[in-house]
Amino acid sequence: MKRFDLRHLKNDFCPRLKAILDNELEKGEVGIFLFEVLDFDNVQKSADLVKQSGNTLLNSLRFNEVDWTIMVRKETTKVAE
């Protein structure tokens, strides 16, 4: 299990989330991602990105007033484009 803090990226965290899912997690490994919710559309964007990448969203919850946490299990060895 690895933890990734993406809060410093503000609304532009999706490219980094995708890069981590593609390259930094092993198949079967769980990643915990923390990002800032300036726009609640980002919660849906993160869930869509996880689904499109062929991985499993295990949990998605509000961490505090401005931060959101998702847990993702890496399912694929190569991302489906």
N, C-alpha and C. Protein backbone atom coordinates (compact mmCIF):
# COMPACT_ATOMS: atom_id res chain seq x y z
N MET A 1 0.84 -1.17 0.00
CA MET A 1 0.00 0.00 0.00
C MET A 1 0.89 1.24 0.00
N LYS A 2 0.57 2.15 -0.91
CA LYS A 2 1.32 3.39 -1.00
C LYS A 2 0.36 4.58 -0.91
N ARG A 3 0.85 5.65 -0.34
CA ARG A 3 0.05 6.87 -0.19
C ARG A 3 0.65 7.96 -1.07
N PHE A 4 -0.23 8.68 -1.78
CA PHE A 4 0.19 9.75 -2.67
C PHE A 4 -0.60 11.02 -2.35
N ASP A 5 0.11 12.09 -2.01
CA ASP A 5 -0.51 13.36 -1.70
C ASP A 5 -0.48 14.23 -2.96
N LEU A 6 -1.65 14.47 -3.54
CA LEU A 6 -1.77 15.24 -4.77
C LEU A 6 -2.38 16.62 -4.52
N ARG A 7 -2.49 17.01 -3.25
CA ARG A 7 -3.14 18.28 -2.91
C ARG A 7 -2.42 19.49 -3.51
N HIS A 8 -1.12 19.43 -3.62
CA HIS A 8 -0.36 20.56 -4.15
C HIS A 8 -0.67 20.84 -5.62
N LEU A 9 -1.30 19.89 -6.31
CA LEU A 9 -1.63 20.06 -7.72
C LEU A 9 -2.97 20.76 -7.95
N LYS A 10 -3.69 21.01 -6.86
CA LYS A 10 -5.01 21.67 -6.91
C LYS A 10 -5.93 20.93 -7.88
N ASN A 11 -6.53 21.62 -8.86
CA ASN A 11 -7.48 21.02 -9.79
C ASN A 11 -6.82 20.21 -10.91
N ASP A 12 -5.52 20.25 -11.00
CA ASP A 12 -4.81 19.60 -12.11
C ASP A 12 -4.10 18.32 -11.65
N PHE A 13 -4.79 17.50 -10.87
CA PHE A 13 -4.17 16.29 -10.32
C PHE A 13 -4.40 15.05 -11.18
N CYS A 14 -5.35 15.08 -12.10
CA CYS A 14 -5.69 13.88 -12.88
C CYS A 14 -4.52 13.33 -13.71
N PRO A 15 -3.72 14.16 -14.39
CA PRO A 15 -2.59 13.60 -15.13
C PRO A 15 -1.60 12.84 -14.22
N ARG A 16 -1.37 13.37 -13.03
CA ARG A 16 -0.46 12.71 -12.09
C ARG A 16 -1.08 11.42 -11.56
N LEU A 17 -2.38 11.44 -11.27
CA LEU A 17 -3.09 10.24 -10.82
C LEU A 17 -2.97 9.15 -11.87
N LYS A 18 -3.18 9.50 -13.13
CA LYS A 18 -3.07 8.52 -14.22
C LYS A 18 -1.65 7.98 -14.32
N ALA A 19 -0.65 8.85 -14.21
CA ALA A 19 0.74 8.41 -14.30
C ALA A 19 1.08 7.44 -13.17
N ILE A 20 0.59 7.71 -11.98
CA ILE A 20 0.84 6.80 -10.85
C ILE A 20 0.18 5.46 -11.10
N LEU A 21 -1.07 5.47 -11.54
CA LEU A 21 -1.78 4.21 -11.81
C LEU A 21 -1.08 3.42 -12.91
N ASP A 22 -0.55 4.11 -13.89
CA ASP A 22 0.11 3.44 -15.01
C ASP A 22 1.48 2.88 -14.63
N ASN A 23 2.23 3.62 -13.80
CA ASN A 23 3.65 3.32 -13.65
C ASN A 23 4.16 3.03 -12.24
N GLU A 24 3.45 3.44 -11.20
CA GLU A 24 4.03 3.37 -9.87
C GLU A 24 3.40 2.35 -8.93
N LEU A 25 2.33 1.72 -9.35
CA LEU A 25 1.72 0.68 -8.54
C LEU A 25 1.87 -0.67 -9.25
N GLU A 26 2.11 -1.70 -8.46
CA GLU A 26 2.18 -3.05 -8.99
C GLU A 26 0.78 -3.65 -9.03
N LYS A 27 0.56 -4.62 -9.88
CA LYS A 27 -0.73 -5.30 -9.96
C LYS A 27 -1.09 -5.86 -8.58
N GLY A 28 -2.30 -5.56 -8.13
CA GLY A 28 -2.78 -6.02 -6.83
C GLY A 28 -2.48 -5.05 -5.69
N GLU A 29 -1.63 -4.07 -5.93
CA GLU A 29 -1.26 -3.11 -4.89
C GLU A 29 -2.34 -2.03 -4.76
N VAL A 30 -2.50 -1.51 -3.55
CA VAL A 30 -3.48 -0.48 -3.28
C VAL A 30 -2.78 0.86 -3.11
N GLY A 31 -3.33 1.88 -3.75
CA GLY A 31 -2.84 3.24 -3.61
C GLY A 31 -3.88 4.10 -2.91
N ILE A 32 -3.43 4.93 -2.00
CA ILE A 32 -4.30 5.89 -1.33
C ILE A 32 -3.92 7.27 -1.88
N PHE A 33 -4.90 7.96 -2.43
CA PHE A 33 -4.66 9.24 -3.07
C PHE A 33 -5.43 10.33 -2.33
N LEU A 34 -4.73 11.38 -1.98
CA LEU A 34 -5.33 12.52 -1.30
C LEU A 34 -5.26 13.72 -2.25
N PHE A 35 -6.40 14.34 -2.51
CA PHE A 35 -6.42 15.51 -3.38
C PHE A 35 -7.39 16.55 -2.83
N GLU A 36 -7.17 17.79 -3.24
CA GLU A 36 -7.99 18.90 -2.78
C GLU A 36 -9.22 19.02 -3.67
N VAL A 37 -10.36 19.22 -3.03
CA VAL A 37 -11.61 19.36 -3.78
C VAL A 37 -11.99 20.83 -3.85
N LEU A 38 -11.54 21.48 -4.91
CA LEU A 38 -11.95 22.86 -5.16
C LEU A 38 -13.24 22.85 -5.96
N ASP A 39 -13.48 21.75 -6.66
CA ASP A 39 -14.66 21.58 -7.50
C ASP A 39 -15.07 20.10 -7.36
N PHE A 40 -16.30 19.84 -6.95
CA PHE A 40 -16.72 18.46 -6.72
C PHE A 40 -16.75 17.63 -8.00
N ASP A 41 -16.67 18.26 -9.16
CA ASP A 41 -16.54 17.51 -10.40
C ASP A 41 -15.27 16.66 -10.39
N ASN A 42 -14.26 17.10 -9.63
CA ASN A 42 -13.01 16.35 -9.56
C ASN A 42 -13.18 14.98 -8.91
N VAL A 43 -14.15 14.86 -8.03
CA VAL A 43 -14.42 13.55 -7.41
C VAL A 43 -14.89 12.58 -8.49
N GLN A 44 -15.82 13.02 -9.32
CA GLN A 44 -16.30 12.17 -10.41
C GLN A 44 -15.21 11.91 -11.44
N LYS A 45 -14.41 12.94 -11.74
CA LYS A 45 -13.30 12.76 -12.70
C LYS A 45 -12.33 11.70 -12.21
N SER A 46 -12.03 11.70 -10.92
CA SER A 46 -11.09 10.71 -10.39
C SER A 46 -11.69 9.30 -10.50
N ALA A 47 -12.97 9.17 -10.19
CA ALA A 47 -13.63 7.86 -10.29
C ALA A 47 -13.67 7.38 -11.74
N ASP A 48 -13.96 8.29 -12.66
CA ASP A 48 -13.98 7.93 -14.08
C ASP A 48 -12.60 7.50 -14.56
N LEU A 49 -11.57 8.21 -14.13
CA LEU A 49 -10.21 7.90 -14.53
C LEU A 49 -9.81 6.50 -14.04
N VAL A 50 -10.17 6.19 -12.80
CA VAL A 50 -9.86 4.87 -12.24
C VAL A 50 -10.56 3.78 -13.06
N LYS A 51 -11.83 3.98 -13.36
CA LYS A 51 -12.60 2.99 -14.12
C LYS A 51 -12.02 2.82 -15.53
N GLN A 52 -11.73 3.93 -16.20
CA GLN A 52 -11.20 3.88 -17.56
C GLN A 52 -9.83 3.20 -17.61
N SER A 53 -9.09 3.28 -16.54
CA SER A 53 -7.76 2.67 -16.51
C SER A 53 -7.82 1.18 -16.20
N GLY A 54 -9.03 0.65 -15.91
CA GLY A 54 -9.18 -0.77 -15.65
C GLY A 54 -8.87 -1.18 -14.23
N ASN A 55 -8.83 -0.22 -13.32
CA ASN A 55 -8.54 -0.50 -11.92
C ASN A 55 -9.80 -0.41 -11.09
N THR A 56 -9.71 -0.71 -9.78
CA THR A 56 -10.88 -0.77 -8.92
C THR A 56 -10.83 0.33 -7.88
N LEU A 57 -11.89 1.13 -7.83
CA LEU A 57 -12.04 2.14 -6.80
C LEU A 57 -12.62 1.45 -5.56
N LEU A 58 -11.82 1.37 -4.51
CA LEU A 58 -12.24 0.67 -3.30
C LEU A 58 -13.01 1.57 -2.35
N ASN A 59 -12.64 2.85 -2.30
CA ASN A 59 -13.28 3.76 -1.38
C ASN A 59 -13.07 5.19 -1.87
N SER A 60 -14.02 6.04 -1.57
CA SER A 60 -13.94 7.45 -1.92
C SER A 60 -14.65 8.22 -0.83
N LEU A 61 -13.91 9.05 -0.10
CA LEU A 61 -14.55 9.78 0.99
C LEU A 61 -13.88 11.10 1.28
N ARG A 62 -14.68 11.95 1.88
CA ARG A 62 -14.19 13.27 2.26
C ARG A 62 -13.29 13.11 3.47
N PHE A 63 -12.09 13.69 3.39
CA PHE A 63 -11.11 13.57 4.46
C PHE A 63 -11.29 14.68 5.49
N ASN A 64 -11.53 15.89 5.02
CA ASN A 64 -11.82 17.04 5.88
C ASN A 64 -12.58 18.06 5.03
N GLU A 65 -12.56 19.31 5.42
CA GLU A 65 -13.35 20.33 4.70
C GLU A 65 -12.98 20.50 3.24
N VAL A 66 -11.71 20.31 2.89
CA VAL A 66 -11.28 20.57 1.51
C VAL A 66 -10.61 19.39 0.82
N ASP A 67 -10.32 18.34 1.54
CA ASP A 67 -9.57 17.22 0.96
C ASP A 67 -10.44 15.99 0.78
N TRP A 68 -10.10 15.21 -0.25
CA TRP A 68 -10.81 13.98 -0.58
C TRP A 68 -9.78 12.86 -0.67
N THR A 69 -10.18 11.66 -0.29
CA THR A 69 -9.31 10.50 -0.34
C THR A 69 -9.97 9.40 -1.15
N ILE A 70 -9.21 8.80 -2.06
CA ILE A 70 -9.69 7.60 -2.76
C ILE A 70 -8.68 6.49 -2.55
N MET A 71 -9.19 5.27 -2.50
CA MET A 71 -8.34 4.08 -2.43
C MET A 71 -8.58 3.29 -3.71
N VAL A 72 -7.48 2.92 -4.36
CA VAL A 72 -7.57 2.26 -5.67
C VAL A 72 -6.69 1.02 -5.65
N ARG A 73 -7.25 -0.10 -6.14
CA ARG A 73 -6.45 -1.32 -6.31
C ARG A 73 -6.07 -1.44 -7.78
N LYS A 74 -4.79 -1.60 -8.00
CA LYS A 74 -4.27 -1.78 -9.37
C LYS A 74 -4.67 -3.17 -9.86
N GLU A 75 -5.40 -3.21 -10.95
CA GLU A 75 -5.89 -4.48 -11.51
C GLU A 75 -5.17 -4.86 -12.78
N THR A 76 -4.70 -3.89 -13.52
CA THR A 76 -4.14 -4.15 -14.83
C THR A 76 -2.63 -3.98 -14.83
N THR A 77 -1.98 -4.69 -15.70
CA THR A 77 -0.54 -4.51 -15.86
C THR A 77 -0.24 -3.48 -16.93
N LYS A 78 -1.18 -3.31 -17.85
CA LYS A 78 -1.03 -2.31 -18.91
C LYS A 78 -2.37 -1.60 -19.06
N VAL A 79 -2.33 -0.31 -19.18
CA VAL A 79 -3.54 0.50 -19.27
C VAL A 79 -4.19 0.37 -20.63
N ALA A 80 -5.50 0.17 -20.62
CA ALA A 80 -6.27 0.15 -21.87
C ALA A 80 -6.54 1.58 -22.30
N GLU A 81 -6.15 1.93 -23.49
CA GLU A 81 -6.32 3.31 -23.98
C GLU A 81 -7.67 3.50 -24.59
